[in-house]
C-alpha cells in the first residue's frame, strides 16, 4: 500500500512540476498584457484560449486540489500577466476576493472546473 501511495505522490509531483515549467514558460512569454481581461470569466477564457492543449489536458487530469495548488507555483506570474492587483482592480473586484493571491487561486480553480466540464 505504501508503494502505491509513494508512486502516486511521485507522479503528482512530476505532474505539478511539468505543468509549472510549461505554464510558467507560457506566462513569461506573455509577460504582462496590454489589455488584460477585467472579469473572472475573461481571465479563465484567456488561459483556456492561450494555453497549449497538452497543458490544458495535464491540468484537466489533476485533482481539483492539485489544480488550486498551481497557484503556489504560478500565482505571481499569473498576477503579473493579468495586472493584479494594481493595474487591474476590476478583475480583483469581479473575483470578489480581497487580494491577488486569492484571485489567482480562484482563476486556476475555475480553469480546472471549465476544463472538466463543470461550471
PDB file of N, CA and C in Angstrom:
ATOM      1  N   UNK A   1       0.826  -1.198   0.000  1.00  0.00           N
ATOM      2  CA  UNK A   1       0.000   0.000   0.000  1.00  0.00           C
ATOM      3  C   UNK A   1       0.865   1.255   0.000  1.00  0.00           C
ATOM      4  N   UNK A   2       1.934   1.256   0.807  1.00  0.00           N
ATOM      5  CA  UNK A   2       2.807   2.426   0.873  1.00  0.00           C
ATOM      6  C   UNK A   2       3.454   2.695  -0.480  1.00  0.00           C
ATOM      7  N   UNK A   3       3.797   1.611  -1.219  1.00  0.00           N
ATOM      8  CA  UNK A   3       4.397   1.795  -2.534  1.00  0.00           C
ATOM      9  C   UNK A   3       3.425   2.469  -3.503  1.00  0.00           C
ATOM     10  N   UNK A   4       2.153   2.100  -3.427  1.00  0.00           N
ATOM     11  CA  UNK A   4       1.146   2.699  -4.297  1.00  0.00           C
ATOM     12  C   UNK A   4       1.012   4.188  -3.987  1.00  0.00           C
ATOM     13  N   UNK A   5       0.956   4.524  -2.712  1.00  0.00           N
ATOM     14  CA  UNK A   5       0.854   5.926  -2.311  1.00  0.00           C
ATOM     15  C   UNK A   5       2.099   6.684  -2.752  1.00  0.00           C
ATOM     16  N   UNK A   6       3.264   6.083  -2.576  1.00  0.00           N
ATOM     17  CA  UNK A   6       4.519   6.709  -2.955  1.00  0.00           C
ATOM     18  C   UNK A   6       4.577   6.959  -4.454  1.00  0.00           C
ATOM     19  N   UNK A   7       4.162   5.979  -5.249  1.00  0.00           N
ATOM     20  CA  UNK A   7       4.157   6.130  -6.706  1.00  0.00           C
ATOM     21  C   UNK A   7       3.180   7.233  -7.099  1.00  0.00           C
ATOM     22  N   UNK A   8       2.010   7.246  -6.470  1.00  0.00           N
ATOM     23  CA  UNK A   8       1.024   8.278  -6.757  1.00  0.00           C
ATOM     24  C   UNK A   8       1.577   9.652  -6.407  1.00  0.00           C
ATOM     25  N   UNK A   9       2.227   9.766  -5.262  1.00  0.00           N
ATOM     26  CA  UNK A   9       2.805  11.038  -4.838  1.00  0.00           C
ATOM     27  C   UNK A   9       3.872  11.497  -5.826  1.00  0.00           C
ATOM     28  N   UNK A  10       4.743  10.584  -6.257  1.00  0.00           N
ATOM     29  CA  UNK A  10       5.796  10.933  -7.212  1.00  0.00           C
ATOM     30  C   UNK A  10       5.200  11.383  -8.542  1.00  0.00           C
ATOM     31  N   UNK A  11       4.157  10.693  -9.012  1.00  0.00           N
ATOM     32  CA  UNK A  11       3.510  11.072 -10.261  1.00  0.00           C
ATOM     33  C   UNK A  11       2.902  12.465 -10.130  1.00  0.00           C
ATOM     34  N   UNK A  12       2.233  12.711  -9.002  1.00  0.00           N
ATOM     35  CA  UNK A  12       1.616  14.017  -8.801  1.00  0.00           C
ATOM     36  C   UNK A  12       2.663  15.126  -8.745  1.00  0.00           C
ATOM     37  N   UNK A  13       3.797  14.876  -8.090  1.00  0.00           N
ATOM     38  CA  UNK A  13       4.876  15.866  -8.051  1.00  0.00           C
ATOM     39  C   UNK A  13       5.421  16.114  -9.445  1.00  0.00           C
ATOM     40  N   UNK A  14       5.594  15.042 -10.221  1.00  0.00           N
ATOM     41  CA  UNK A  14       6.074  15.191 -11.600  1.00  0.00           C
ATOM     42  C   UNK A  14       5.072  15.990 -12.420  1.00  0.00           C
ATOM     43  N   UNK A  15       3.799  15.672 -12.258  1.00  0.00           N
ATOM     44  CA  UNK A  15       2.757  16.363 -12.999  1.00  0.00           C
ATOM     45  C   UNK A  15       2.764  17.848 -12.664  1.00  0.00           C
ATOM     46  N   UNK A  16       2.825  18.177 -11.376  1.00  0.00           N
ATOM     47  CA  UNK A  16       2.840  19.580 -10.970  1.00  0.00           C
ATOM     48  C   UNK A  16       4.090  20.285 -11.475  1.00  0.00           C
ATOM     49  N   UNK A  17       5.239  19.605 -11.414  1.00  0.00           N
ATOM     50  CA  UNK A  17       6.488  20.202 -11.882  1.00  0.00           C
ATOM     51  C   UNK A  17       6.433  20.467 -13.375  1.00  0.00           C
ATOM     52  N   UNK A  18       5.935  19.507 -14.142  1.00  0.00           N
ATOM     53  CA  UNK A  18       5.829  19.679 -15.588  1.00  0.00           C
ATOM     54  C   UNK A  18       4.865  20.808 -15.921  1.00  0.00           C
ATOM     55  N   UNK A  19       3.726  20.820 -15.264  1.00  0.00           N
ATOM     56  CA  UNK A  19       2.746  21.880 -15.512  1.00  0.00           C
ATOM     57  C   UNK A  19       3.330  23.235 -15.145  1.00  0.00           C
ATOM     58  N   UNK A  20       4.013  23.297 -14.022  1.00  0.00           N
ATOM     59  CA  UNK A  20       4.623  24.553 -13.592  1.00  0.00           C
ATOM     60  C   UNK A  20       5.614  25.056 -14.633  1.00  0.00           C
ATOM     61  N   UNK A  21       6.480  24.193 -15.095  1.00  0.00           N
ATOM     62  CA  UNK A  21       7.503  24.589 -16.065  1.00  0.00           C
ATOM     63  C   UNK A  21       6.875  25.091 -17.358  1.00  0.00           C
ATOM     64  N   UNK A  22       5.899  24.369 -17.862  1.00  0.00           N
ATOM     65  CA  UNK A  22       5.289  24.732 -19.134  1.00  0.00           C
ATOM     66  C   UNK A  22       4.408  25.975 -19.030  1.00  0.00           C
ATOM     67  N   UNK A  23       3.627  26.066 -17.973  1.00  0.00           N
ATOM     68  CA  UNK A  23       2.744  27.222 -17.833  1.00  0.00           C
ATOM     69  C   UNK A  23       3.565  28.477 -17.536  1.00  0.00           C
ATOM     70  N   UNK A  24       4.611  28.335 -16.722  1.00  0.00           N
ATOM     71  CA  UNK A  24       5.475  29.485 -16.447  1.00  0.00           C
ATOM     72  C   UNK A  24       6.095  29.997 -17.733  1.00  0.00           C
ATOM     73  N   UNK A  25       6.540  29.087 -18.586  1.00  0.00           N
ATOM     74  CA  UNK A  25       7.107  29.487 -19.874  1.00  0.00           C
ATOM     75  C   UNK A  25       6.071  30.244 -20.692  1.00  0.00           C
ATOM     76  N   UNK A  26       4.847  29.729 -20.712  1.00  0.00           N
ATOM     77  CA  UNK A  26       3.785  30.383 -21.473  1.00  0.00           C
ATOM     78  C   UNK A  26       3.478  31.764 -20.886  1.00  0.00           C
ATOM     79  N   UNK A  27       3.373  31.860 -19.585  1.00  0.00           N
ATOM     80  CA  UNK A  27       3.025  33.134 -18.962  1.00  0.00           C
ATOM     81  C   UNK A  27       4.184  34.119 -19.072  1.00  0.00           C
ATOM     82  N   UNK A  28       5.426  33.636 -18.920  1.00  0.00           N
ATOM     83  CA  UNK A  28       6.565  34.534 -19.103  1.00  0.00           C
ATOM     84  C   UNK A  28       6.595  35.061 -20.530  1.00  0.00           C
ATOM     85  N   UNK A  29       6.181  34.245 -21.479  1.00  0.00           N
ATOM     86  CA  UNK A  29       6.116  34.689 -22.861  1.00  0.00           C
ATOM     87  C   UNK A  29       5.115  35.816 -23.029  1.00  0.00           C
ATOM     88  N   UNK A  30       4.080  35.796 -22.214  1.00  0.00           N
ATOM     89  CA  UNK A  30       3.069  36.844 -22.265  1.00  0.00           C
ATOM     90  C   UNK A  30       3.571  38.076 -21.517  1.00  0.00           C
ATOM     91  N   UNK A  31       4.345  37.854 -20.454  1.00  0.00           N
ATOM     92  CA  UNK A  31       4.858  38.899 -19.584  1.00  0.00           C
ATOM     93  C   UNK A  31       3.684  39.638 -18.963  1.00  0.00           C
ATOM     94  N   UNK A  32       3.331  40.775 -19.468  1.00  0.00           N
ATOM     95  CA  UNK A  32       2.115  41.415 -18.967  1.00  0.00           C
ATOM     96  C   UNK A  32       1.292  41.850 -20.171  1.00  0.00           C
ATOM     97  N   UNK A  33       0.017  41.727 -20.028  1.00  0.00           N
ATOM     98  CA  UNK A  33      -0.887  42.014 -21.134  1.00  0.00           C
ATOM     99  C   UNK A  33      -1.177  43.505 -21.209  1.00  0.00           C
ATOM    100  N   UNK A  34      -1.315  44.007 -22.429  1.00  0.00           N
ATOM    101  CA  UNK A  34      -1.659  45.416 -22.600  1.00  0.00           C
ATOM    102  C   UNK A  34      -3.113  45.662 -22.238  1.00  0.00           C
ATOM    103  N   UNK A  35      -3.977  44.731 -22.554  1.00  0.00           N
ATOM    104  CA  UNK A  35      -5.401  44.829 -22.228  1.00  0.00           C
ATOM    105  C   UNK A  35      -5.844  43.547 -21.538  1.00  0.00           C
ATOM    106  N   UNK A  36      -5.465  43.381 -20.258  1.00  0.00           N
ATOM    107  CA  UNK A  36      -5.826  42.130 -19.576  1.00  0.00           C
ATOM    108  C   UNK A  36      -7.332  42.030 -19.355  1.00  0.00           C
ATOM    109  N   UNK A  37      -7.851  40.809 -19.285  1.00  0.00           N
ATOM    110  CA  UNK A  37      -9.282  40.638 -19.017  1.00  0.00           C
ATOM    111  C   UNK A  37      -9.644  41.265 -17.675  1.00  0.00           C
ATOM    112  N   UNK A  38     -10.818  41.826 -17.598  1.00  0.00           N
ATOM    113  CA  UNK A  38     -11.267  42.508 -16.386  1.00  0.00           C
ATOM    114  C   UNK A  38     -12.314  41.719 -15.621  1.00  0.00           C
ATOM    115  N   UNK A  39     -12.601  40.498 -16.082  1.00  0.00           N
ATOM    116  CA  UNK A  39     -13.575  39.659 -15.386  1.00  0.00           C
ATOM    117  C   UNK A  39     -12.967  38.282 -15.139  1.00  0.00           C
ATOM    118  N   UNK A  40     -13.541  37.591 -14.171  1.00  0.00           N
ATOM    119  CA  UNK A  40     -13.108  36.230 -13.875  1.00  0.00           C
ATOM    120  C   UNK A  40     -13.312  35.331 -15.085  1.00  0.00           C
ATOM    121  N   UNK A  41     -14.461  35.424 -15.708  1.00  0.00           N
ATOM    122  CA  UNK A  41     -14.760  34.623 -16.896  1.00  0.00           C
ATOM    123  C   UNK A  41     -13.751  34.938 -17.999  1.00  0.00           C
ATOM    124  N   UNK A  42     -13.445  36.218 -18.175  1.00  0.00           N
ATOM    125  CA  UNK A  42     -12.481  36.622 -19.191  1.00  0.00           C
ATOM    126  C   UNK A  42     -11.090  36.075 -18.927  1.00  0.00           C
ATOM    127  N   UNK A  43     -10.673  36.075 -17.658  1.00  0.00           N
ATOM    128  CA  UNK A  43      -9.350  35.553 -17.297  1.00  0.00           C
ATOM    129  C   UNK A  43      -9.273  34.045 -17.554  1.00  0.00           C
ATOM    130  N   UNK A  44     -10.326  33.332 -17.176  1.00  0.00           N
ATOM    131  CA  UNK A  44     -10.363  31.883 -17.400  1.00  0.00           C
ATOM    132  C   UNK A  44     -10.361  31.588 -18.896  1.00  0.00           C
ATOM    133  N   UNK A  45     -11.166  32.315 -19.646  1.00  0.00           N
ATOM    134  CA  UNK A  45     -11.212  32.106 -21.095  1.00  0.00           C
ATOM    135  C   UNK A  45      -9.883  32.458 -21.750  1.00  0.00           C
ATOM    136  N   UNK A  46      -9.226  33.491 -21.261  1.00  0.00           N
ATOM    137  CA  UNK A  46      -7.915  33.850 -21.789  1.00  0.00           C
ATOM    138  C   UNK A  46      -6.947  32.679 -21.633  1.00  0.00           C
ATOM    139  N   UNK A  47      -6.876  32.112 -20.425  1.00  0.00           N
ATOM    140  CA  UNK A  47      -5.983  30.972 -20.197  1.00  0.00           C
ATOM    141  C   UNK A  47      -6.394  29.782 -21.060  1.00  0.00           C
ATOM    142  N   UNK A  48      -7.693  29.518 -21.105  1.00  0.00           N
ATOM    143  CA  UNK A  48      -8.175  28.394 -21.907  1.00  0.00           C
ATOM    144  C   UNK A  48      -7.825  28.560 -23.380  1.00  0.00           C
ATOM    145  N   UNK A  49      -7.881  29.759 -23.878  1.00  0.00           N
ATOM    146  CA  UNK A  49      -7.596  30.006 -25.287  1.00  0.00           C
ATOM    147  C   UNK A  49      -6.106  30.073 -25.604  1.00  0.00           C
ATOM    148  N   UNK A  50      -5.270  30.375 -24.621  1.00  0.00           N
ATOM    149  CA  UNK A  50      -3.856  30.578 -24.897  1.00  0.00           C
ATOM    150  C   UNK A  50      -2.934  29.471 -24.389  1.00  0.00           C
ATOM    151  N   UNK A  51      -3.402  28.652 -23.468  1.00  0.00           N
ATOM    152  CA  UNK A  51      -2.570  27.535 -23.006  1.00  0.00           C
ATOM    153  C   UNK A  51      -2.522  26.463 -24.086  1.00  0.00           C
ATOM    154  N   UNK A  52      -1.365  25.845 -24.279  1.00  0.00           N
ATOM    155  CA  UNK A  52      -1.295  24.734 -25.231  1.00  0.00           C
ATOM    156  C   UNK A  52      -2.216  23.586 -24.793  1.00  0.00           C
ATOM    157  N   UNK A  53      -2.695  22.822 -25.763  1.00  0.00           N
ATOM    158  CA  UNK A  53      -3.628  21.727 -25.476  1.00  0.00           C
ATOM    159  C   UNK A  53      -3.062  20.717 -24.488  1.00  0.00           C
ATOM    160  N   UNK A  54      -1.757  20.400 -24.591  1.00  0.00           N
ATOM    161  CA  UNK A  54      -1.200  19.406 -23.677  1.00  0.00           C
ATOM    162  C   UNK A  54      -1.188  19.903 -22.233  1.00  0.00           C
ATOM    163  N   UNK A  55      -1.030  21.206 -22.043  1.00  0.00           N
ATOM    164  CA  UNK A  55      -1.064  21.761 -20.691  1.00  0.00           C
ATOM    165  C   UNK A  55      -2.489  21.743 -20.153  1.00  0.00           C
ATOM    166  N   UNK A  56      -3.448  22.082 -20.997  1.00  0.00           N
ATOM    167  CA  UNK A  56      -4.848  22.028 -20.561  1.00  0.00           C
ATOM    168  C   UNK A  56      -5.229  20.590 -20.197  1.00  0.00           C
ATOM    169  N   UNK A  57      -4.748  19.645 -20.986  1.00  0.00           N
ATOM    170  CA  UNK A  57      -5.030  18.244 -20.680  1.00  0.00           C
ATOM    171  C   UNK A  57      -4.405  17.846 -19.347  1.00  0.00           C
ATOM    172  N   UNK A  58      -3.192  18.287 -19.120  1.00  0.00           N
ATOM    173  CA  UNK A  58      -2.495  17.986 -17.873  1.00  0.00           C
ATOM    174  C   UNK A  58      -3.243  18.572 -16.679  1.00  0.00           C
ATOM    175  N   UNK A  59      -3.672  19.802 -16.794  1.00  0.00           N
ATOM    176  CA  UNK A  59      -4.430  20.430 -15.710  1.00  0.00           C
ATOM    177  C   UNK A  59      -5.756  19.706 -15.514  1.00  0.00           C
ATOM    178  N   UNK A  60      -6.397  19.313 -16.603  1.00  0.00           N
ATOM    179  CA  UNK A  60      -7.660  18.591 -16.518  1.00  0.00           C
ATOM    180  C   UNK A  60      -7.544  17.263 -15.784  1.00  0.00           C
ATOM    181  N   UNK A  61      -6.392  16.608 -15.899  1.00  0.00           N
ATOM    182  CA  UNK A  61      -6.184  15.326 -15.221  1.00  0.00           C
ATOM    183  C   UNK A  61      -5.870  15.480 -13.740  1.00  0.00           C
ATOM    184  N   UNK A  62      -5.498  16.671 -13.336  1.00  0.00           N
ATOM    185  CA  UNK A  62      -5.190  16.895 -11.922  1.00  0.00           C
ATOM    186  C   UNK A  62      -6.464  16.844 -11.101  1.00  0.00           C
ATOM    187  N   UNK A  63      -6.284  16.596  -9.809  1.00  0.00           N
ATOM    188  CA  UNK A  63      -7.426  16.745  -8.913  1.00  0.00           C
ATOM    189  C   UNK A  63      -7.672  18.243  -8.729  1.00  0.00           C
ATOM    190  N   UNK A  64      -8.833  18.588  -8.234  1.00  0.00           N
ATOM    191  CA  UNK A  64      -9.162  19.999  -8.006  1.00  0.00           C
ATOM    192  C   UNK A  64      -8.160  20.623  -7.038  1.00  0.00           C
ATOM    193  N   UNK A  65      -7.754  19.875  -6.032  1.00  0.00           N
ATOM    194  CA  UNK A  65      -6.793  20.369  -5.048  1.00  0.00           C
ATOM    195  C   UNK A  65      -5.433  20.613  -5.688  1.00  0.00           C
ATOM    196  N   UNK A  66      -4.998  19.696  -6.571  1.00  0.00           N
ATOM    197  CA  UNK A  66      -3.719  19.882  -7.264  1.00  0.00           C
ATOM    198  C   UNK A  66      -3.766  21.111  -8.163  1.00  0.00           C
ATOM    199  N   UNK A  67      -4.879  21.298  -8.848  1.00  0.00           N
ATOM    200  CA  UNK A  67      -5.013  22.456  -9.733  1.00  0.00           C
ATOM    201  C   UNK A  67      -4.959  23.755  -8.937  1.00  0.00           C
ATOM    202  N   UNK A  68      -5.605  23.788  -7.786  1.00  0.00           N
ATOM    203  CA  UNK A  68      -5.561  25.012  -6.984  1.00  0.00           C
ATOM    204  C   UNK A  68      -4.161  25.220  -6.405  1.00  0.00           C
ATOM    205  N   UNK A  69      -3.386  24.137  -6.223  1.00  0.00           N
ATOM    206  CA  UNK A  69      -2.006  24.264  -5.734  1.00  0.00           C
ATOM    207  C   UNK A  69      -1.089  24.887  -6.778  1.00  0.00           C
ATOM    208  N   UNK A  70      -1.481  24.858  -8.044  1.00  0.00           N
ATOM    209  CA  UNK A  70      -0.681  25.525  -9.070  1.00  0.00           C
ATOM    210  C   UNK A  70      -0.499  26.992  -8.734  1.00  0.00           C
ATOM    211  N   UNK A  71      -1.435  27.531  -7.982  1.00  0.00           N
ATOM    212  CA  UNK A  71      -1.346  28.931  -7.563  1.00  0.00           C
ATOM    213  C   UNK A  71      -0.030  29.201  -6.832  1.00  0.00           C
ATOM    214  N   UNK A  72       0.423  28.248  -6.027  1.00  0.00           N
ATOM    215  CA  UNK A  72       1.654  28.449  -5.262  1.00  0.00           C
ATOM    216  C   UNK A  72       2.873  28.547  -6.177  1.00  0.00           C
ATOM    217  N   UNK A  73       2.810  27.899  -7.328  1.00  0.00           N
ATOM    218  CA  UNK A  73       3.915  27.933  -8.279  1.00  0.00           C
ATOM    219  C   UNK A  73       3.758  29.063  -9.289  1.00  0.00           C
ATOM    220  N   UNK A  74       2.535  29.346  -9.671  1.00  0.00           N
ATOM    221  CA  UNK A  74       2.273  30.234 -10.798  1.00  0.00           C
ATOM    222  C   UNK A  74       1.589  31.533 -10.444  1.00  0.00           C
ATOM    223  N   UNK A  75       1.162  31.663  -9.202  1.00  0.00           N
ATOM    224  CA  UNK A  75       0.360  32.810  -8.811  1.00  0.00           C
ATOM    225  C   UNK A  75       0.976  34.153  -9.163  1.00  0.00           C
ATOM    226  N   UNK A  76       2.242  34.345  -8.834  1.00  0.00           N
ATOM    227  CA  UNK A  76       2.894  35.631  -9.097  1.00  0.00           C
ATOM    228  C   UNK A  76       2.971  35.895 -10.590  1.00  0.00           C
ATOM    229  N   UNK A  77       3.311  34.880 -11.381  1.00  0.00           N
ATOM    230  CA  UNK A  77       3.392  35.059 -12.832  1.00  0.00           C
ATOM    231  C   UNK A  77       2.023  35.393 -13.420  1.00  0.00           C
ATOM    232  N   UNK A  78       1.015  34.693 -12.944  1.00  0.00           N
ATOM    233  CA  UNK A  78      -0.342  34.941 -13.423  1.00  0.00           C
ATOM    234  C   UNK A  78      -0.800  36.344 -13.022  1.00  0.00           C
ATOM    235  N   UNK A  79      -0.505  36.726 -11.786  1.00  0.00           N
ATOM    236  CA  UNK A  79      -0.876  38.057 -11.305  1.00  0.00           C
ATOM    237  C   UNK A  79      -0.196  39.147 -12.138  1.00  0.00           C
ATOM    238  N   UNK A  80       1.084  38.960 -12.440  1.00  0.00           N
ATOM    239  CA  UNK A  80       1.801  39.943 -13.250  1.00  0.00           C
ATOM    240  C   UNK A  80       1.212  40.033 -14.652  1.00  0.00           C
ATOM    241  N   UNK A  81       0.921  38.888 -15.244  1.00  0.00           N
ATOM    242  CA  UNK A  81       0.375  38.872 -16.603  1.00  0.00           C
ATOM    243  C   UNK A  81      -0.992  39.548 -16.659  1.00  0.00           C
ATOM    244  N   UNK A  82      -1.789  39.361 -15.610  1.00  0.00           N
ATOM    245  CA  UNK A  82      -3.153  39.899 -15.602  1.00  0.00           C
ATOM    246  C   UNK A  82      -3.255  41.267 -14.937  1.00  0.00           C
ATOM    247  N   UNK A  83      -2.114  41.794 -14.462  1.00  0.00           N
ATOM    248  CA  UNK A  83      -2.118  43.124 -13.858  1.00  0.00           C
ATOM    249  C   UNK A  83      -2.732  43.186 -12.475  1.00  0.00           C
ATOM    250  N   UNK A  84      -2.683  42.078 -11.753  1.00  0.00           N
ATOM    251  CA  UNK A  84      -3.255  42.066 -10.398  1.00  0.00           C
ATOM    252  C   UNK A  84      -2.208  42.503  -9.388  1.00  0.00           C
ATOM    253  N   UNK A  85      -2.591  43.217  -8.379  1.00  0.00           N
ATOM    254  CA  UNK A  85      -3.878  43.860  -8.178  1.00  0.00           C
ATOM    255  C   UNK A  85      -3.892  45.317  -8.652  1.00  0.00           C
ATOM    256  N   UNK A  86      -2.713  45.904  -8.829  1.00  0.00           N
ATOM    257  CA  UNK A  86      -2.641  47.368  -9.002  1.00  0.00           C
ATOM    258  C   UNK A  86      -3.240  47.888 -10.299  1.00  0.00           C
ATOM    259  N   UNK A  87      -2.883  47.284 -11.430  1.00  0.00           N
ATOM    260  CA  UNK A  87      -3.346  47.858 -12.689  1.00  0.00           C
ATOM    261  C   UNK A  87      -4.633  47.214 -13.208  1.00  0.00           C
ATOM    262  N   UNK A  88      -5.187  46.283 -12.440  1.00  0.00           N
ATOM    263  CA  UNK A  88      -6.428  45.641 -12.876  1.00  0.00           C
ATOM    264  C   UNK A  88      -7.374  45.428 -11.688  1.00  0.00           C
ATOM    265  N   UNK A  89      -7.780  46.502 -11.035  1.00  0.00           N
ATOM    266  CA  UNK A  89      -8.676  46.350  -9.882  1.00  0.00           C
ATOM    267  C   UNK A  89     -10.051  45.795 -10.252  1.00  0.00           C
ATOM    268  N   UNK A  90     -10.455  45.966 -11.517  1.00  0.00           N
ATOM    269  CA  UNK A  90     -11.763  45.432 -11.937  1.00  0.00           C
ATOM    270  C   UNK A  90     -11.779  43.906 -11.879  1.00  0.00           C
ATOM    271  N   UNK A  91     -10.664  43.274 -12.269  1.00  0.00           N
ATOM    272  CA  UNK A  91     -10.592  41.809 -12.196  1.00  0.00           C
ATOM    273  C   UNK A  91     -10.639  41.347 -10.750  1.00  0.00           C
ATOM    274  N   UNK A  92      -9.896  42.014  -9.892  1.00  0.00           N
ATOM    275  CA  UNK A  92      -9.900  41.670  -8.467  1.00  0.00           C
ATOM    276  C   UNK A  92     -11.312  41.811  -7.898  1.00  0.00           C
ATOM    277  N   UNK A  93     -11.994  42.885  -8.247  1.00  0.00           N
ATOM    278  CA  UNK A  93     -13.360  43.101  -7.755  1.00  0.00           C
ATOM    279  C   UNK A  93     -14.310  42.039  -8.302  1.00  0.00           C
ATOM    280  N   UNK A  94     -14.158  41.683  -9.588  1.00  0.00           N
ATOM    281  CA  UNK A  94     -15.044  40.685 -10.178  1.00  0.00           C
ATOM    282  C   UNK A  94     -14.841  39.306  -9.548  1.00  0.00           C
ATOM    283  N   UNK A  95     -13.620  39.032  -9.107  1.00  0.00           N
ATOM    284  CA  UNK A  95     -13.342  37.747  -8.432  1.00  0.00           C
ATOM    285  C   UNK A  95     -13.944  37.717  -7.025  1.00  0.00           C
ATOM    286  N   UNK A  96     -14.314  38.888  -6.519  1.00  0.00           N
ATOM    287  CA  UNK A  96     -14.914  39.009  -5.180  1.00  0.00           C
ATOM    288  C   UNK A  96     -14.020  38.448  -4.092  1.00  0.00           C
ATOM    289  N   UNK A  97     -12.739  38.797  -4.204  1.00  0.00           N
ATOM    290  CA  UNK A  97     -11.749  38.406  -3.201  1.00  0.00           C
ATOM    291  C   UNK A  97     -11.023  39.663  -2.755  1.00  0.00           C
ATOM    292  N   UNK A  98     -10.224  39.524  -1.710  1.00  0.00           N
ATOM    293  CA  UNK A  98      -9.576  40.703  -1.140  1.00  0.00           C
ATOM    294  C   UNK A  98      -8.141  40.918  -1.598  1.00  0.00           C
ATOM    295  N   UNK A  99      -7.538  39.900  -2.240  1.00  0.00           N
ATOM    296  CA  UNK A  99      -6.149  40.092  -2.664  1.00  0.00           C
ATOM    297  C   UNK A  99      -5.832  39.287  -3.919  1.00  0.00           C
ATOM    298  N   UNK A 100      -4.686  39.599  -4.514  1.00  0.00           N
ATOM    299  CA  UNK A 100      -4.278  38.983  -5.778  1.00  0.00           C
ATOM    300  C   UNK A 100      -4.013  37.486  -5.633  1.00  0.00           C
ATOM    301  N   UNK A 101      -3.525  37.048  -4.478  1.00  0.00           N
ATOM    302  CA  UNK A 101      -3.275  35.613  -4.272  1.00  0.00           C
ATOM    303  C   UNK A 101      -4.567  34.817  -4.361  1.00  0.00           C
ATOM    304  N   UNK A 102      -5.595  35.309  -3.706  1.00  0.00           N
ATOM    305  CA  UNK A 102      -6.888  34.635  -3.757  1.00  0.00           C
ATOM    306  C   UNK A 102      -7.450  34.656  -5.172  1.00  0.00           C
ATOM    307  N   UNK A 103      -7.235  35.757  -5.890  1.00  0.00           N
ATOM    308  CA  UNK A 103      -7.741  35.860  -7.259  1.00  0.00           C
ATOM    309  C   UNK A 103      -7.060  34.847  -8.173  1.00  0.00           C
ATOM    310  N   UNK A 104      -5.729  34.721  -8.089  1.00  0.00           N
ATOM    311  CA  UNK A 104      -5.041  33.776  -8.973  1.00  0.00           C
ATOM    312  C   UNK A 104      -5.421  32.333  -8.636  1.00  0.00           C
ATOM    313  N   UNK A 105      -5.610  32.037  -7.360  1.00  0.00           N
ATOM    314  CA  UNK A 105      -6.060  30.687  -6.981  1.00  0.00           C
ATOM    315  C   UNK A 105      -7.462  30.417  -7.540  1.00  0.00           C
ATOM    316  N   UNK A 106      -8.340  31.402  -7.426  1.00  0.00           N
ATOM    317  CA  UNK A 106      -9.703  31.253  -7.944  1.00  0.00           C
ATOM    318  C   UNK A 106      -9.690  31.066  -9.461  1.00  0.00           C
ATOM    319  N   UNK A 107      -8.880  31.838 -10.170  1.00  0.00           N
ATOM    320  CA  UNK A 107      -8.801  31.736 -11.625  1.00  0.00           C
ATOM    321  C   UNK A 107      -8.336  30.349 -12.038  1.00  0.00           C
ATOM    322  N   UNK A 108      -7.311  29.816 -11.372  1.00  0.00           N
ATOM    323  CA  UNK A 108      -6.812  28.479 -11.715  1.00  0.00           C
ATOM    324  C   UNK A 108      -7.828  27.393 -11.373  1.00  0.00           C
ATOM    325  N   UNK A 109      -8.534  27.558 -10.263  1.00  0.00           N
ATOM    326  CA  UNK A 109      -9.574  26.582  -9.896  1.00  0.00           C
ATOM    327  C   UNK A 109     -10.721  26.619 -10.904  1.00  0.00           C
ATOM    328  N   UNK A 110     -11.140  27.811 -11.300  1.00  0.00           N
ATOM    329  CA  UNK A 110     -12.217  27.933 -12.302  1.00  0.00           C
ATOM    330  C   UNK A 110     -11.772  27.380 -13.652  1.00  0.00           C
ATOM    331  N   UNK A 111     -10.497  27.555 -13.988  1.00  0.00           N
ATOM    332  CA  UNK A 111      -9.976  26.960 -15.222  1.00  0.00           C
ATOM    333  C   UNK A 111     -10.108  25.446 -15.151  1.00  0.00           C
ATOM    334  N   UNK A 112      -9.734  24.857 -14.017  1.00  0.00           N
ATOM    335  CA  UNK A 112      -9.837  23.405 -13.844  1.00  0.00           C
ATOM    336  C   UNK A 112     -11.295  22.965 -14.002  1.00  0.00           C
ATOM    337  N   UNK A 113     -12.203  23.699 -13.372  1.00  0.00           N
ATOM    338  CA  UNK A 113     -13.629  23.353 -13.476  1.00  0.00           C
ATOM    339  C   UNK A 113     -14.089  23.389 -14.936  1.00  0.00           C
ATOM    340  N   UNK A 114     -13.702  24.420 -15.646  1.00  0.00           N
ATOM    341  CA  UNK A 114     -14.109  24.560 -17.054  1.00  0.00           C
ATOM    342  C   UNK A 114     -13.516  23.426 -17.896  1.00  0.00           C
ATOM    343  N   UNK A 115     -12.249  23.088 -17.650  1.00  0.00           N
ATOM    344  CA  UNK A 115     -11.611  22.012 -18.418  1.00  0.00           C
ATOM    345  C   UNK A 115     -12.243  20.650 -18.146  1.00  0.00           C
ATOM    346  N   UNK A 116     -12.880  20.533 -16.996  1.00  0.00           N
ATOM    347  CA  UNK A 116     -13.534  19.280 -16.626  1.00  0.00           C
ATOM    348  C   UNK A 116     -15.043  19.326 -16.843  1.00  0.00           C
ATOM    349  N   UNK A 117     -15.502  20.307 -17.627  1.00  0.00           N
ATOM    350  CA  UNK A 117     -16.916  20.380 -17.977  1.00  0.00           C
ATOM    351  C   UNK A 117     -17.836  20.770 -16.843  1.00  0.00           C
ATOM    352  N   UNK A 118     -17.280  21.431 -15.851  1.00  0.00           N
ATOM    353  CA  UNK A 118     -18.093  21.899 -14.722  1.00  0.00           C
ATOM    354  C   UNK A 118     -18.133  23.417 -14.741  1.00  0.00           C
ATOM    355  N   UNK A 119     -19.156  23.984 -14.169  1.00  0.00           N
ATOM    356  CA  UNK A 119     -19.246  25.459 -14.154  1.00  0.00           C
ATOM    357  C   UNK A 119     -19.259  26.004 -12.775  1.00  0.00           C
TER     358      UNK A 119
END
